[in-house]
Amino acid sequence: MKDWLNNSVFYEIYPQSFLDTNGDGIGDLAGIIAKLDYIRQLGCNALWLNPCFLSPFGDAGYDVSDYTQVAPRYGTNEDLERLFAEAHRRGMKVLLDLVPGHTSTQHPWFQQSCKAEPNEYWGRYIWSDSVWTDVAQYPSIAGSLRGLYPRDGSVAVNFFSNQPALNYGFAHPTEPWQSAVDSPEALATRQAMKDVMAFWLNKGCDGFRVDMAGSLVKNDPDGQETQKLWQDVRRFLDRDFPDAVLISEWGDPQKSLLAGFHMDFLLHFGPSHYMDLFRGDAPYFRRDGQGDARAFVDAYRANYNLTRQKGLICIPSGNHDMERMRKFLDPEEMKIAFAFLLSMPGVPFLYYGDEIGMRHLPLPSVEGGYGRTGARTPMQWNRGKNYGFSEGAAESLYTPQDPAADAPVVEEAMACPTSLWQEIQKLICLRRDHPALCARGGLEFVFCEDHRYPLAYLRTAKTESVLVVLNPSRSPAEFSCPYRPQEVLYQHGDAVEVRGDSLRVPGESAAFLRVEPCLE
């Protein structure tokens, strides 16, 4: 693991929604540069940028038409290089979003592959050998396109119909048109993606968050061939770009970390039970006390034990693919949720706007967002025109903004000593000051029972042990604890009380306590 990750807190930026500096209603790279000091003041020292490459934006930039060209609406390649340099000058790192599994139908590679006559790009995508032969019944293929192009065949798509799947081969080829993972065409695709990575790393990028990282090799049910592919990429990076960081959207840390990724996300889908915490009908961090963290803890503990000393598991506050936390929790409840997010192992990821509790808005789909569109609204900086996001006309904005009179804005949140923003800044500073709370600190769950509160866990380092006790419920709770508080490092709400061998935890409270084990 790269040393800088241990003390990192990432800030995810959806570029089109962060800050517009030219009045066209779309955020841009110049806007991100202008707000680097703001992000640093909050406490975040690393950025993840959602795709900013040339695209027809059928899926908000996740349908790339040129991996090595910044989309003009964001600026130029030179602007992105300047962003890298300005971030580095402030001691910050920048990861780009790499989408290796598919391109746009407008990518020159795909347009060449569609031609009737064979050429060097014929094997860059997954085509059957006849338009009458479908490709959609294989794992990791979402559908197919047929009858649209001169080439006689069906082509696989990864998600939307405008995202043809790149060809990294099949783990278990069963048809003549299916490439093996070591075939010339599959290896050519792999090399092309290495070239893309090298292009941006040479310009100052610090690494990549990799979209759908576990889906590249098709018909690979155990993920073994996809792991081998990424291990090959890791060897390439270790040789040519040893400082480059890779973070996977995989949702299976046991596989992704062995594949060579430094970190893996717990996703909002799959078996992690991440959604039990902050979203859904009964989130654990809601004060009504109806939630249950046990399934999450069991899944997290299993992954943690499987991957200990091999990498990092990350828990994001949210991202561009899910409903905002504020839809399910109010700002006071979010404070305790962030006490959890910023005291767990791995590297925290804070989604832009979550630091002020931006709302999820019910909006029609924009650029393939559908239900996700409401989490992608322009940042709310102040009470000026368009909340300070853009000087353009309101109708030109990427999406409408929060119409409520009490819509949260950064300027007011920073000025209010009891705001969510201030609490998050305090928690980030505390995390960075205490080795036990950083990414590599040890973890032991002390109390978590079915439909019970509080949640308590011990974070450890060579120099300290910190007991984290969280009770989002409005009702006080008590639990038997083998650790005795020596010092209060952080307190939100009323104080924890020692009662013999137990701790009484007030409702709606969070505490970080320096402890020593009880002597028997």
Protein backbone atom coordinates (compact mmCIF):
# COMPACT_ATOMS: atom_id res chain seq x y z
CA MET A 1 0.00 0.00 0.00
CA LYS A 2 1.24 3.48 -0.81
CA ASP A 3 2.18 5.35 2.38
CA TRP A 4 0.17 8.45 1.48
CA LEU A 5 -3.05 6.46 1.44
CA ASN A 6 -2.85 5.85 5.19
CA ASN A 7 -3.62 9.50 5.96
CA SER A 8 -5.83 10.26 2.97
CA VAL A 9 -9.42 11.41 2.81
CA PHE A 10 -10.79 11.51 -0.75
CA TYR A 11 -13.25 14.02 -2.16
CA GLU A 12 -15.25 12.81 -5.15
CA ILE A 13 -16.01 15.47 -7.75
CA TYR A 14 -18.64 15.13 -10.44
CA PRO A 15 -17.00 17.66 -12.81
CA GLN A 16 -20.11 18.91 -14.57
CA SER A 17 -21.72 19.84 -11.24
CA PHE A 18 -18.94 21.37 -9.15
CA LEU A 19 -18.23 24.93 -10.36
CA ASP A 20 -18.84 26.59 -13.73
CA THR A 21 -16.36 29.38 -14.54
CA ASN A 22 -17.45 30.29 -18.08
CA GLY A 23 -21.21 30.62 -17.66
CA ASP A 24 -22.29 27.71 -19.85
CA GLY A 25 -24.06 25.93 -16.99
CA ILE A 26 -21.57 23.05 -16.90
CA GLY A 27 -18.83 22.70 -14.28
CA ASP A 28 -15.27 22.70 -15.56
CA LEU A 29 -11.66 22.00 -14.63
CA ALA A 30 -10.97 25.66 -13.96
CA GLY A 31 -13.74 25.53 -11.36
CA ILE A 32 -12.14 22.55 -9.63
CA ILE A 33 -8.78 24.34 -9.54
CA ALA A 34 -10.47 27.40 -8.05
CA LYS A 35 -11.85 25.31 -5.19
CA LEU A 36 -8.78 23.24 -4.30
CA ASP A 37 -8.13 25.43 -1.27
CA TYR A 38 -11.72 24.88 -0.13
CA ILE A 39 -11.33 21.10 -0.39
CA ARG A 40 -8.01 21.27 1.47
CA GLN A 41 -9.57 23.44 4.19
CA LEU A 42 -12.29 20.84 4.71
CA GLY A 43 -9.47 18.37 5.30
CA CYS A 44 -9.54 16.26 2.14
CA ASN A 45 -6.15 15.72 0.55
CA ALA A 46 -7.01 13.58 -2.45
CA LEU A 47 -9.49 13.86 -5.34
CA TRP A 48 -11.39 11.37 -7.44
CA LEU A 49 -12.69 12.95 -10.63
CA ASN A 50 -15.52 11.26 -12.48
CA PRO A 51 -14.79 10.90 -16.22
CA CYS A 52 -13.79 14.13 -17.92
CA PHE A 53 -12.87 12.69 -21.33
CA LEU A 54 -14.36 13.27 -24.75
CA SER A 55 -17.81 11.67 -24.87
CA PRO A 56 -21.28 12.01 -26.40
CA PHE A 57 -22.49 11.90 -22.75
CA GLY A 58 -25.08 9.22 -23.18
CA ASP A 59 -24.00 8.01 -19.75
CA ALA A 60 -22.55 11.21 -18.26
CA GLY A 61 -19.06 10.53 -19.60
CA TYR A 62 -18.90 6.82 -18.82
CA ASP A 63 -19.26 6.35 -22.58
CA VAL A 64 -15.82 7.50 -23.71
CA SER A 65 -15.06 8.43 -27.31
CA ASP A 66 -11.40 9.39 -26.70
CA TYR A 67 -9.52 8.37 -23.56
CA THR A 68 -6.71 10.85 -24.17
CA GLN A 69 -8.73 14.01 -24.83
CA VAL A 70 -10.49 16.15 -22.23
CA ALA A 71 -14.08 16.97 -23.22
CA PRO A 72 -14.18 20.61 -24.41
CA ARG A 73 -16.98 21.47 -21.98
CA TYR A 74 -14.51 20.87 -19.14
CA GLY A 75 -11.50 22.53 -20.75
CA THR A 76 -8.34 21.16 -22.34
CA ASN A 77 -5.67 18.59 -21.64
CA GLU A 78 -3.52 21.49 -20.50
CA ASP A 79 -6.18 22.45 -17.95
CA LEU A 80 -6.12 18.93 -16.55
CA GLU A 81 -2.33 19.01 -16.33
CA ARG A 82 -2.62 22.32 -14.49
CA LEU A 83 -5.09 20.71 -12.07
CA PHE A 84 -2.57 17.96 -11.33
CA ALA A 85 0.17 20.54 -10.74
CA GLU A 86 -1.97 22.81 -8.54
CA ALA A 87 -3.16 19.86 -6.47
CA HIS A 88 0.39 18.61 -6.00
CA ARG A 89 1.49 22.07 -4.95
CA ARG A 90 -1.03 21.81 -2.12
CA GLY A 91 0.06 18.30 -1.14
CA MET A 92 -3.00 16.72 -2.76
CA LYS A 93 -3.32 13.70 -5.05
CA VAL A 94 -5.63 13.28 -8.06
CA LEU A 95 -7.14 10.04 -9.36
CA LEU A 96 -8.94 9.91 -12.70
CA ASP A 97 -11.87 7.63 -13.44
CA LEU A 98 -10.82 4.91 -15.88
CA VAL A 99 -13.56 3.10 -17.81
CA PRO A 100 -11.74 0.10 -19.32
CA GLY A 101 -14.71 -2.19 -19.95
CA HIS A 102 -16.45 -0.32 -22.74
CA THR A 103 -16.38 2.78 -24.91
CA SER A 104 -18.95 4.92 -26.65
CA THR A 105 -20.28 3.81 -30.02
CA GLN A 106 -18.60 7.01 -31.27
CA HIS A 107 -15.10 5.89 -30.35
CA PRO A 108 -12.92 5.51 -33.47
CA TRP A 109 -12.00 1.99 -32.35
CA PHE A 110 -15.65 0.96 -32.45
CA GLN A 111 -16.37 2.71 -35.73
CA GLN A 112 -13.51 0.79 -37.33
CA SER A 113 -14.67 -2.48 -35.81
CA CYS A 114 -18.11 -2.01 -37.40
CA LYS A 115 -16.76 -2.11 -40.96
CA ALA A 116 -17.53 -5.10 -43.13
CA GLU A 117 -13.91 -5.69 -44.07
CA PRO A 118 -11.51 -7.03 -41.41
CA ASN A 119 -9.06 -4.51 -39.93
CA GLU A 120 -6.85 -4.11 -36.86
CA TYR A 121 -9.83 -3.12 -34.69
CA TRP A 122 -12.07 -6.03 -35.61
CA GLY A 123 -11.04 -7.80 -32.41
CA ARG A 124 -11.18 -4.75 -30.13
CA TYR A 125 -14.83 -5.48 -29.23
CA ILE A 126 -16.86 -8.66 -28.68
CA TRP A 127 -18.59 -9.59 -31.93
CA SER A 128 -20.27 -12.83 -32.86
CA ASP A 129 -19.62 -14.26 -36.31
CA SER A 130 -23.20 -13.76 -37.53
CA VAL A 131 -25.94 -11.21 -36.97
CA TRP A 132 -28.21 -14.17 -36.20
CA THR A 133 -25.97 -15.25 -33.30
CA ASP A 134 -26.60 -13.30 -30.12
CA VAL A 135 -23.92 -12.65 -27.50
CA ALA A 136 -26.09 -11.54 -24.60
CA GLN A 137 -26.45 -14.83 -22.73
CA TYR A 138 -22.94 -14.82 -21.27
CA PRO A 139 -21.97 -13.56 -17.77
CA SER A 140 -20.89 -9.90 -17.60
CA ILE A 141 -22.60 -9.08 -20.92
CA ALA A 142 -25.69 -6.92 -20.45
CA GLY A 143 -27.07 -7.09 -23.97
CA SER A 144 -26.19 -6.76 -27.63
CA LEU A 145 -26.60 -4.61 -30.73
CA ARG A 146 -27.63 -6.27 -34.00
CA GLY A 147 -28.39 -5.13 -37.50
CA LEU A 148 -27.09 -1.58 -37.09
CA TYR A 149 -23.72 -1.84 -38.79
CA PRO A 150 -22.20 -3.19 -42.02
CA ARG A 151 -20.37 -5.94 -40.15
CA ASP A 152 -22.15 -9.31 -40.05
CA GLY A 153 -22.37 -10.01 -36.33
CA SER A 154 -23.83 -9.02 -32.99
CA VAL A 155 -21.77 -6.87 -30.64
CA ALA A 156 -21.88 -7.11 -26.84
CA VAL A 157 -22.71 -4.14 -24.63
CA ASN A 158 -21.73 -3.73 -20.98
CA PHE A 159 -24.60 -1.65 -19.68
CA PHE A 160 -26.44 0.88 -21.85
CA SER A 161 -26.81 0.21 -25.56
CA ASN A 162 -24.30 2.99 -26.28
CA GLN A 163 -21.52 1.13 -24.40
CA PRO A 164 -20.05 -1.68 -26.55
CA ALA A 165 -17.88 -4.03 -24.50
CA LEU A 166 -14.17 -4.07 -25.13
CA ASN A 167 -12.66 -7.49 -25.77
CA TYR A 168 -10.40 -8.84 -23.03
CA GLY A 169 -11.27 -12.42 -23.91
CA PHE A 170 -13.38 -15.17 -22.38
CA ALA A 171 -12.16 -17.24 -19.46
CA HIS A 172 -13.85 -20.28 -20.96
CA PRO A 173 -14.39 -19.80 -24.72
CA THR A 174 -17.16 -22.04 -26.04
CA GLU A 175 -17.68 -20.59 -29.53
CA PRO A 176 -15.28 -19.86 -32.41
CA TRP A 177 -15.95 -16.09 -32.18
CA GLN A 178 -14.96 -15.95 -28.51
CA SER A 179 -11.36 -14.89 -27.93
CA ALA A 180 -9.16 -16.51 -25.31
CA VAL A 181 -7.65 -14.18 -22.71
CA ASP A 182 -4.20 -14.67 -24.25
CA SER A 183 -5.33 -14.21 -27.85
CA PRO A 184 -3.69 -11.44 -29.92
CA GLU A 185 -6.88 -9.39 -30.01
CA ALA A 186 -7.50 -9.62 -26.24
CA LEU A 187 -3.88 -8.74 -25.48
CA ALA A 188 -4.08 -5.81 -27.92
CA THR A 189 -7.04 -4.40 -25.98
CA ARG A 190 -5.14 -4.81 -22.73
CA GLN A 191 -2.13 -3.00 -24.18
CA ALA A 192 -4.33 -0.18 -25.46
CA MET A 193 -5.62 0.40 -21.93
CA LYS A 194 -2.09 0.34 -20.54
CA ASP A 195 -1.24 3.02 -23.10
CA VAL A 196 -4.14 5.15 -21.86
CA MET A 197 -2.95 4.81 -18.28
CA ALA A 198 0.61 5.72 -19.24
CA PHE A 199 -0.61 8.78 -21.16
CA TRP A 200 -2.17 10.36 -18.06
CA LEU A 201 0.39 9.15 -15.55
CA ASN A 202 3.06 10.85 -17.63
CA LYS A 203 1.06 14.07 -17.37
CA GLY A 204 0.87 14.01 -13.57
CA CYS A 205 -2.10 11.83 -12.68
CA ASP A 206 -1.57 9.87 -9.44
CA GLY A 207 -3.61 6.83 -10.42
CA PHE A 208 -7.08 5.63 -11.28
CA ARG A 209 -10.39 4.60 -9.84
CA VAL A 210 -11.38 1.77 -12.18
CA ASP A 211 -15.02 1.45 -13.26
CA MET A 212 -16.52 -2.08 -13.25
CA ALA A 213 -13.06 -3.52 -12.63
CA GLY A 214 -14.28 -7.07 -12.07
CA SER A 215 -16.18 -7.37 -15.36
CA LEU A 216 -13.48 -7.24 -18.04
CA VAL A 217 -13.00 -10.92 -18.84
CA LYS A 218 -16.26 -12.52 -19.87
CA ASN A 219 -17.59 -15.89 -18.75
CA ASP A 220 -15.26 -15.67 -15.76
CA PRO A 221 -17.52 -16.72 -12.87
CA ASP A 222 -14.80 -17.02 -10.24
CA GLY A 223 -12.97 -13.91 -11.44
CA GLN A 224 -9.65 -15.70 -11.71
CA GLU A 225 -8.79 -14.58 -15.24
CA THR A 226 -9.83 -11.00 -14.50
CA GLN A 227 -7.56 -11.11 -11.44
CA LYS A 228 -4.68 -12.29 -13.62
CA LEU A 229 -5.33 -9.48 -16.09
CA TRP A 230 -5.07 -6.86 -13.35
CA GLN A 231 -2.00 -8.53 -11.87
CA ASP A 232 -0.41 -8.06 -15.28
CA VAL A 233 -1.42 -4.39 -15.24
CA ARG A 234 0.01 -4.07 -11.72
CA ARG A 235 3.36 -5.47 -12.93
CA PHE A 236 3.37 -2.91 -15.74
CA LEU A 237 2.67 -0.10 -13.29
CA ASP A 238 5.22 -1.31 -10.75
CA ARG A 239 7.83 -1.31 -13.48
CA ASP A 240 7.03 1.99 -15.19
CA PHE A 241 4.92 3.96 -12.70
CA PRO A 242 5.60 2.51 -9.23
CA ASP A 243 3.78 5.35 -7.43
CA ALA A 244 0.51 4.88 -9.33
CA VAL A 245 -2.51 3.96 -7.22
CA LEU A 246 -5.38 1.75 -8.36
CA ILE A 247 -8.79 1.70 -6.68
CA SER A 248 -11.38 -0.77 -7.88
CA GLU A 249 -15.11 -0.66 -8.30
CA TRP A 250 -15.33 -4.39 -7.69
CA GLY A 251 -17.14 -4.91 -4.40
CA ASP A 252 -15.17 -8.06 -3.62
CA PRO A 253 -12.01 -7.08 -1.72
CA GLN A 254 -10.69 -10.62 -1.48
CA LYS A 255 -10.41 -10.72 -5.27
CA SER A 256 -9.60 -7.11 -6.11
CA LEU A 257 -6.80 -6.66 -3.59
CA LEU A 258 -5.14 -9.90 -4.66
CA ALA A 259 -5.49 -8.64 -8.24
CA GLY A 260 -3.19 -5.73 -7.43
CA PHE A 261 -5.58 -2.94 -6.46
CA HIS A 262 -4.65 -0.88 -3.44
CA MET A 263 -8.27 -0.42 -2.39
CA ASP A 264 -11.74 -1.70 -3.14
CA PHE A 265 -15.12 -0.09 -2.53
CA LEU A 266 -17.94 -1.66 -0.61
CA LEU A 267 -20.67 -1.06 -3.15
CA HIS A 268 -24.30 -0.08 -2.80
CA PHE A 269 -25.24 -3.37 -4.44
CA GLY A 270 -24.09 -6.89 -3.70
CA PRO A 271 -23.51 -8.61 -0.35
CA SER A 272 -21.85 -5.84 1.69
CA HIS A 273 -25.01 -4.55 3.46
CA TYR A 274 -23.56 -1.05 3.08
CA MET A 275 -27.05 0.28 2.36
CA ASP A 276 -28.26 -0.92 5.78
CA LEU A 277 -26.26 1.88 7.39
CA PHE A 278 -27.31 5.09 5.67
CA ARG A 279 -30.10 4.34 3.22
CA GLY A 280 -33.27 2.32 2.76
CA ASP A 281 -36.38 1.98 4.90
CA ALA A 282 -34.60 1.64 8.26
CA PRO A 283 -31.02 2.93 8.15
CA TYR A 284 -28.96 2.20 11.24
CA PHE A 285 -27.96 5.84 11.65
CA ARG A 286 -31.53 7.15 11.86
CA ARG A 287 -32.58 8.22 15.34
CA ASP A 288 -35.75 6.10 15.37
CA GLY A 289 -33.59 3.14 16.40
CA GLN A 290 -35.13 0.68 13.95
CA GLY A 291 -31.93 -0.14 12.09
CA ASP A 292 -29.63 -3.13 12.24
CA ALA A 293 -25.87 -3.03 11.60
CA ARG A 294 -25.22 -6.71 12.33
CA ALA A 295 -25.29 -7.98 8.74
CA PHE A 296 -22.94 -5.18 7.67
CA VAL A 297 -20.53 -5.92 10.51
CA ASP A 298 -20.52 -9.65 9.73
CA ALA A 299 -19.79 -8.98 6.03
CA TYR A 300 -17.18 -6.35 6.81
CA ARG A 301 -15.43 -8.55 9.37
CA ALA A 302 -15.27 -11.42 6.88
CA ASN A 303 -13.71 -9.21 4.20
CA TYR A 304 -11.39 -7.58 6.73
CA ASN A 305 -10.07 -10.94 7.89
CA LEU A 306 -9.63 -12.18 4.34
CA THR A 307 -7.72 -9.11 3.21
CA ARG A 308 -5.77 -8.05 6.31
CA GLN A 309 -2.37 -6.60 5.35
CA LYS A 310 -3.22 -6.97 1.65
CA GLY A 311 -4.99 -3.67 1.04
CA LEU A 312 -7.83 -1.40 2.04
CA ILE A 313 -11.61 -1.57 2.08
CA CYS A 314 -13.28 1.81 1.48
CA ILE A 315 -16.68 2.99 2.69
CA PRO A 316 -17.92 6.08 0.78
CA SER A 317 -20.45 8.61 2.09
CA GLY A 318 -22.14 8.24 -1.29
CA ASN A 319 -21.35 8.63 -4.96
CA HIS A 320 -22.82 9.59 -8.31
CA ASP A 321 -24.59 6.22 -8.63
CA MET A 322 -26.74 6.26 -5.50
CA GLU A 323 -29.27 8.46 -3.77
CA ARG A 324 -27.76 11.04 -1.46
CA MET A 325 -27.48 10.24 2.22
CA ARG A 326 -29.56 13.35 3.03
CA LYS A 327 -32.63 11.66 1.54
CA PHE A 328 -32.61 9.24 4.46
CA LEU A 329 -30.83 11.11 7.28
CA ASP A 330 -31.05 14.69 8.45
CA PRO A 331 -27.86 16.71 9.11
CA GLU A 332 -27.78 15.84 12.83
CA GLU A 333 -28.06 12.13 12.03
CA MET A 334 -25.40 12.57 9.34
CA LYS A 335 -22.95 13.86 11.95
CA ILE A 336 -22.97 10.47 13.68
CA ALA A 337 -22.82 8.69 10.33
CA PHE A 338 -19.68 10.66 9.49
CA ALA A 339 -18.21 9.82 12.90
CA PHE A 340 -18.47 6.22 11.69
CA LEU A 341 -17.17 6.87 8.17
CA LEU A 342 -14.17 8.83 9.43
CA SER A 343 -13.17 6.36 12.14
CA MET A 344 -13.24 3.09 10.19
CA PRO A 345 -10.21 1.45 8.52
CA GLY A 346 -9.55 2.04 4.86
CA VAL A 347 -9.70 5.41 3.13
CA PRO A 348 -12.87 7.51 3.45
CA PHE A 349 -14.51 8.92 0.32
CA LEU A 350 -16.66 12.01 0.70
CA TYR A 351 -19.05 12.80 -2.18
CA TYR A 352 -19.17 16.48 -3.08
CA GLY A 353 -22.03 18.26 -1.31
CA ASP A 354 -22.41 15.63 1.40
CA GLU A 355 -20.38 17.87 3.69
CA ILE A 356 -23.28 20.34 3.74
CA GLY A 357 -26.08 17.79 3.51
CA MET A 358 -27.20 18.48 -0.06
CA ARG A 359 -30.57 16.91 -0.79
CA HIS A 360 -31.44 14.25 -3.34
CA LEU A 361 -33.85 15.88 -5.78
CA PRO A 362 -36.63 14.15 -7.74
CA LEU A 363 -35.54 15.00 -11.28
CA PRO A 364 -36.03 13.65 -14.80
CA SER A 365 -33.07 11.82 -16.27
CA VAL A 366 -30.09 13.82 -17.51
CA GLU A 367 -27.33 12.13 -19.54
CA GLY A 368 -28.42 8.63 -18.60
CA GLY A 369 -28.68 9.41 -14.90
CA TYR A 370 -32.30 8.25 -14.42
CA GLY A 371 -32.83 7.79 -10.65
CA ARG A 372 -29.23 8.82 -10.03
CA THR A 373 -29.75 12.29 -11.52
CA GLY A 374 -30.98 13.74 -8.21
CA ALA A 375 -27.56 13.06 -6.64
CA ARG A 376 -25.73 14.94 -9.41
CA THR A 377 -27.10 18.45 -8.96
CA PRO A 378 -24.82 21.52 -9.06
CA MET A 379 -22.91 22.37 -5.90
CA GLN A 380 -24.49 24.98 -3.65
CA TRP A 381 -21.78 27.48 -2.70
CA ASN A 382 -23.68 30.56 -1.50
CA ARG A 383 -26.99 32.45 -1.74
CA GLY A 384 -26.00 34.22 -4.95
CA LYS A 385 -27.18 33.46 -8.46
CA ASN A 386 -27.56 29.71 -8.99
CA TYR A 387 -26.14 29.22 -5.49
CA GLY A 388 -22.79 30.49 -6.75
CA PHE A 389 -22.38 27.56 -9.15
CA SER A 390 -22.70 29.48 -12.44
CA GLU A 391 -23.34 32.93 -13.83
CA GLY A 392 -25.30 31.33 -16.68
CA ALA A 393 -29.07 31.28 -17.05
CA ALA A 394 -30.85 28.90 -14.66
CA GLU A 395 -32.24 26.91 -17.60
CA SER A 396 -28.70 26.27 -18.88
CA LEU A 397 -27.54 24.47 -15.71
CA TYR A 398 -26.59 20.80 -15.86
CA THR A 399 -29.64 20.03 -13.73
CA PRO A 400 -32.04 22.17 -11.71
CA GLN A 401 -31.01 23.00 -8.16
CA ASP A 402 -32.67 22.65 -4.77
CA PRO A 403 -35.62 25.12 -4.74
CA ALA A 404 -36.13 24.98 -0.96
CA ALA A 405 -35.68 28.15 1.06
CA ASP A 406 -33.46 26.25 3.49
CA ALA A 407 -31.25 24.66 0.82
CA PRO A 408 -27.82 24.18 2.44
CA VAL A 409 -24.92 26.26 1.13
CA VAL A 410 -21.19 26.08 1.80
CA GLU A 411 -20.76 29.71 2.83
CA GLU A 412 -23.28 29.44 5.67
CA ALA A 413 -22.12 25.98 6.74
CA MET A 414 -18.54 27.18 7.09
CA ALA A 415 -19.67 30.12 9.20
CA CYS A 416 -21.84 28.08 11.58
CA PRO A 417 -19.87 26.47 14.44
CA THR A 418 -22.43 23.66 14.86
CA SER A 419 -22.87 22.75 11.18
CA LEU A 420 -22.33 19.37 9.58
CA TRP A 421 -19.42 20.92 7.64
CA GLN A 422 -17.68 21.93 10.87
CA GLU A 423 -18.24 18.48 12.38
CA ILE A 424 -16.74 16.74 9.34
CA GLN A 425 -13.72 19.04 9.36
CA LYS A 426 -13.21 18.29 13.08
CA LEU A 427 -13.48 14.54 12.47
CA ILE A 428 -11.01 14.61 9.57
CA CYS A 429 -8.47 16.51 11.69
CA LEU A 430 -8.94 14.05 14.53
CA ARG A 431 -8.47 11.09 12.21
CA ARG A 432 -5.24 12.50 10.86
CA ASP A 433 -3.89 13.27 14.35
CA HIS A 434 -4.41 9.74 15.69
CA PRO A 435 -2.64 6.78 14.04
CA ALA A 436 -5.20 4.33 15.40
CA LEU A 437 -7.95 6.08 13.40
CA CYS A 438 -6.06 6.09 10.11
CA ALA A 439 -6.48 3.65 7.24
CA ARG A 440 -4.09 0.99 8.52
CA GLY A 441 -5.10 1.04 12.18
CA GLY A 442 -6.34 -2.26 13.58
CA LEU A 443 -10.02 -3.02 14.10
CA GLU A 444 -11.93 -5.08 16.64
CA PHE A 445 -15.72 -4.94 16.85
CA VAL A 446 -16.58 -4.73 20.57
CA PHE A 447 -20.38 -4.56 20.47
CA CYS A 448 -22.84 -5.15 17.64
CA GLU A 449 -25.93 -7.27 18.19
CA ASP A 450 -29.06 -7.85 16.15
CA HIS A 451 -31.26 -4.73 16.14
CA ARG A 452 -29.33 -3.33 19.10
CA TYR A 453 -27.51 -0.12 19.81
CA PRO A 454 -24.78 1.09 20.20
CA LEU A 455 -22.12 0.12 17.69
CA ALA A 456 -18.71 -0.04 19.36
CA TYR A 457 -15.31 -0.92 17.92
CA LEU A 458 -11.68 -0.59 18.90
CA ARG A 459 -9.12 1.03 16.60
CA THR A 460 -5.49 0.30 17.44
CA ALA A 461 -1.98 1.37 16.54
CA LYS A 462 1.37 0.85 18.20
CA THR A 463 1.02 3.99 20.29
CA GLU A 464 -2.69 4.06 21.16
CA SER A 465 -6.05 2.34 21.33
CA VAL A 466 -9.25 4.27 20.60
CA LEU A 467 -12.71 2.97 21.41
CA VAL A 468 -15.38 4.34 19.06
CA VAL A 469 -18.91 4.24 20.49
CA LEU A 470 -21.85 5.30 18.30
CA ASN A 471 -25.48 5.46 19.36
CA PRO A 472 -27.59 7.05 16.60
CA SER A 473 -30.80 6.00 18.38
CA ARG A 474 -32.60 8.61 20.47
CA SER A 475 -32.74 6.12 23.34
CA PRO A 476 -29.78 5.56 25.68
CA ALA A 477 -28.09 2.18 25.53
CA GLU A 478 -25.75 0.17 27.75
CA PHE A 479 -23.30 -2.61 26.98
CA SER A 480 -20.64 -4.64 28.74
CA CYS A 481 -17.20 -3.37 27.72
CA PRO A 482 -13.76 -4.75 28.61
CA TYR A 483 -12.12 -1.36 28.02
CA ARG A 484 -12.04 1.59 30.42
CA PRO A 485 -11.98 5.15 29.04
CA GLN A 486 -8.82 7.08 29.89
CA GLU A 487 -9.42 10.21 27.83
CA VAL A 488 -12.20 11.64 25.67
CA LEU A 489 -10.79 12.48 22.23
CA TYR A 490 -14.13 13.38 20.65
CA GLN A 491 -17.63 13.81 21.95
CA HIS A 492 -20.84 14.53 20.06
CA GLY A 493 -23.91 14.72 22.28
CA ASP A 494 -23.84 13.80 25.96
CA ALA A 495 -20.95 11.94 27.54
CA VAL A 496 -20.56 8.20 27.93
CA GLU A 497 -20.77 7.02 31.56
CA VAL A 498 -18.85 4.16 33.17
CA ARG A 499 -21.13 1.86 35.20
CA GLY A 500 -19.10 -0.98 36.64
CA ASP A 501 -18.09 -3.21 33.75
CA SER A 502 -20.49 -1.46 31.40
CA LEU A 503 -20.71 1.78 29.48
CA ARG A 504 -23.93 3.76 29.33
CA VAL A 505 -24.22 5.58 26.01
CA PRO A 506 -26.64 8.51 25.68
CA GLY A 507 -28.99 8.70 22.73
CA GLU A 508 -27.82 10.47 19.57
CA SER A 509 -24.20 10.49 20.63
CA ALA A 510 -20.76 9.57 19.35
CA ALA A 511 -17.54 9.27 21.32
CA PHE A 512 -13.91 8.44 20.60
CA LEU A 513 -12.25 7.31 23.83
CA ARG A 514 -8.61 6.52 24.47
CA VAL A 515 -8.71 3.28 26.42
CA GLU A 516 -6.65 0.62 28.14
CA PRO A 517 -7.77 -2.99 28.49
CA CYS A 518 -9.31 -3.98 31.81
CA LEU A 519 -7.01 -6.07 34.01
CA GLU A 520 -8.57 -9.33 35.13
